[in-house]
């Protein structure tokens, strides 16, 4: 079972957070609507969503990967029961 950790964004260096947001905003399959949105605008939107708590930054330790997920999805992933 995945072991997720919430990463407080205020604990990340600004350049590191910017790089993570740019990488996420440029991932294949990331859809921002009918028209193409510039990367800096997508990064700004993601930063606003992080600052407002709409999305959370999670790290999955066993796979050493991270993702941005909605607050609701983050709460569900963080409250998964451990294997018995």
Protein backbone atom coordinates (compact mmCIF):
# COMPACT_ATOMS: atom_id res chain seq x y z
CA UNK A 1 0.00 0.00 0.00
CA UNK A 2 1.41 3.44 -0.90
CA UNK A 3 2.70 5.57 1.94
CA UNK A 4 1.91 9.22 1.21
CA UNK A 5 3.40 12.21 2.99
CA UNK A 6 2.03 15.74 2.72
CA UNK A 7 4.82 18.16 1.87
CA UNK A 8 4.40 21.64 3.39
CA UNK A 9 5.21 24.02 0.57
CA UNK A 10 6.71 26.56 2.96
CA UNK A 11 9.46 24.02 3.74
CA UNK A 12 10.62 23.99 0.11
CA UNK A 13 13.12 26.36 -1.41
CA UNK A 14 11.38 28.77 -3.81
CA UNK A 15 13.39 27.57 -6.80
CA UNK A 16 12.59 23.95 -5.98
CA UNK A 17 8.88 24.66 -5.71
CA UNK A 18 8.92 26.59 -8.98
CA UNK A 19 10.67 23.69 -10.72
CA UNK A 20 8.11 21.21 -9.36
CA UNK A 21 5.22 23.40 -10.51
CA UNK A 22 6.75 23.85 -13.96
CA UNK A 23 7.28 20.12 -14.30
CA UNK A 24 3.69 19.39 -13.26
CA UNK A 25 2.25 22.08 -15.55
CA UNK A 26 4.13 20.68 -18.52
CA UNK A 27 3.28 17.00 -17.98
CA UNK A 28 1.66 15.15 -20.86
CA UNK A 29 -2.08 14.99 -20.41
CA UNK A 30 -2.31 18.14 -18.33
CA UNK A 31 -5.35 19.90 -19.78
CA UNK A 32 -6.08 23.57 -19.19
CA UNK A 33 -9.06 23.99 -21.48
CA UNK A 34 -9.77 24.64 -25.13
CA UNK A 35 -7.02 27.21 -25.70
CA UNK A 36 -3.32 26.87 -24.98
CA UNK A 37 -2.33 28.57 -21.72
CA UNK A 38 1.24 29.86 -21.34
CA UNK A 39 3.42 27.87 -18.93
CA UNK A 40 3.99 30.80 -16.57
CA UNK A 41 0.23 31.31 -16.26
CA UNK A 42 -0.33 27.59 -15.54
CA UNK A 43 2.41 27.70 -12.88
CA UNK A 44 0.80 30.80 -11.35
CA UNK A 45 -2.59 29.05 -11.24
CA UNK A 46 -1.04 26.01 -9.55
CA UNK A 47 0.75 28.19 -7.01
CA UNK A 48 -2.53 29.94 -6.18
CA UNK A 49 -4.26 26.56 -5.73
CA UNK A 50 -1.46 25.40 -3.42
CA UNK A 51 -1.55 28.64 -1.41
CA UNK A 52 -5.33 28.43 -1.02
CA UNK A 53 -5.23 24.74 -0.05
CA UNK A 54 -7.25 23.59 -3.07
CA UNK A 55 -4.43 21.23 -3.99
CA UNK A 56 -1.81 19.50 -1.87
CA UNK A 57 1.71 18.35 -2.66
CA UNK A 58 2.10 14.68 -1.74
CA UNK A 59 5.21 12.51 -1.81
CA UNK A 60 4.91 8.74 -2.12
CA UNK A 61 7.93 7.41 -0.26
CA UNK A 62 8.19 3.84 -1.52
CA UNK A 63 8.11 4.93 -5.19
CA UNK A 64 9.98 8.20 -4.57
CA UNK A 65 7.48 10.19 -6.63
CA UNK A 66 5.37 13.25 -5.99
CA UNK A 67 2.08 14.63 -7.25
CA UNK A 68 -0.32 17.51 -6.83
CA UNK A 69 -3.79 16.31 -5.86
CA UNK A 70 -7.02 17.93 -4.77
CA UNK A 71 -7.50 18.52 -1.05
CA UNK A 72 -10.22 15.84 -0.96
CA UNK A 73 -8.04 13.27 -2.73
CA UNK A 74 -5.13 14.11 -0.44
CA UNK A 75 -7.23 13.56 2.67
CA UNK A 76 -8.43 10.21 1.32
CA UNK A 77 -4.90 9.09 0.41
CA UNK A 78 -3.46 10.21 3.75
CA UNK A 79 -6.13 8.39 5.74
CA UNK A 80 -5.79 5.01 3.99
CA UNK A 81 -5.50 2.22 6.57
CA UNK A 82 -2.15 0.46 6.72
CA UNK A 83 -1.91 -3.21 5.71
CA UNK A 84 -2.49 -5.53 8.61
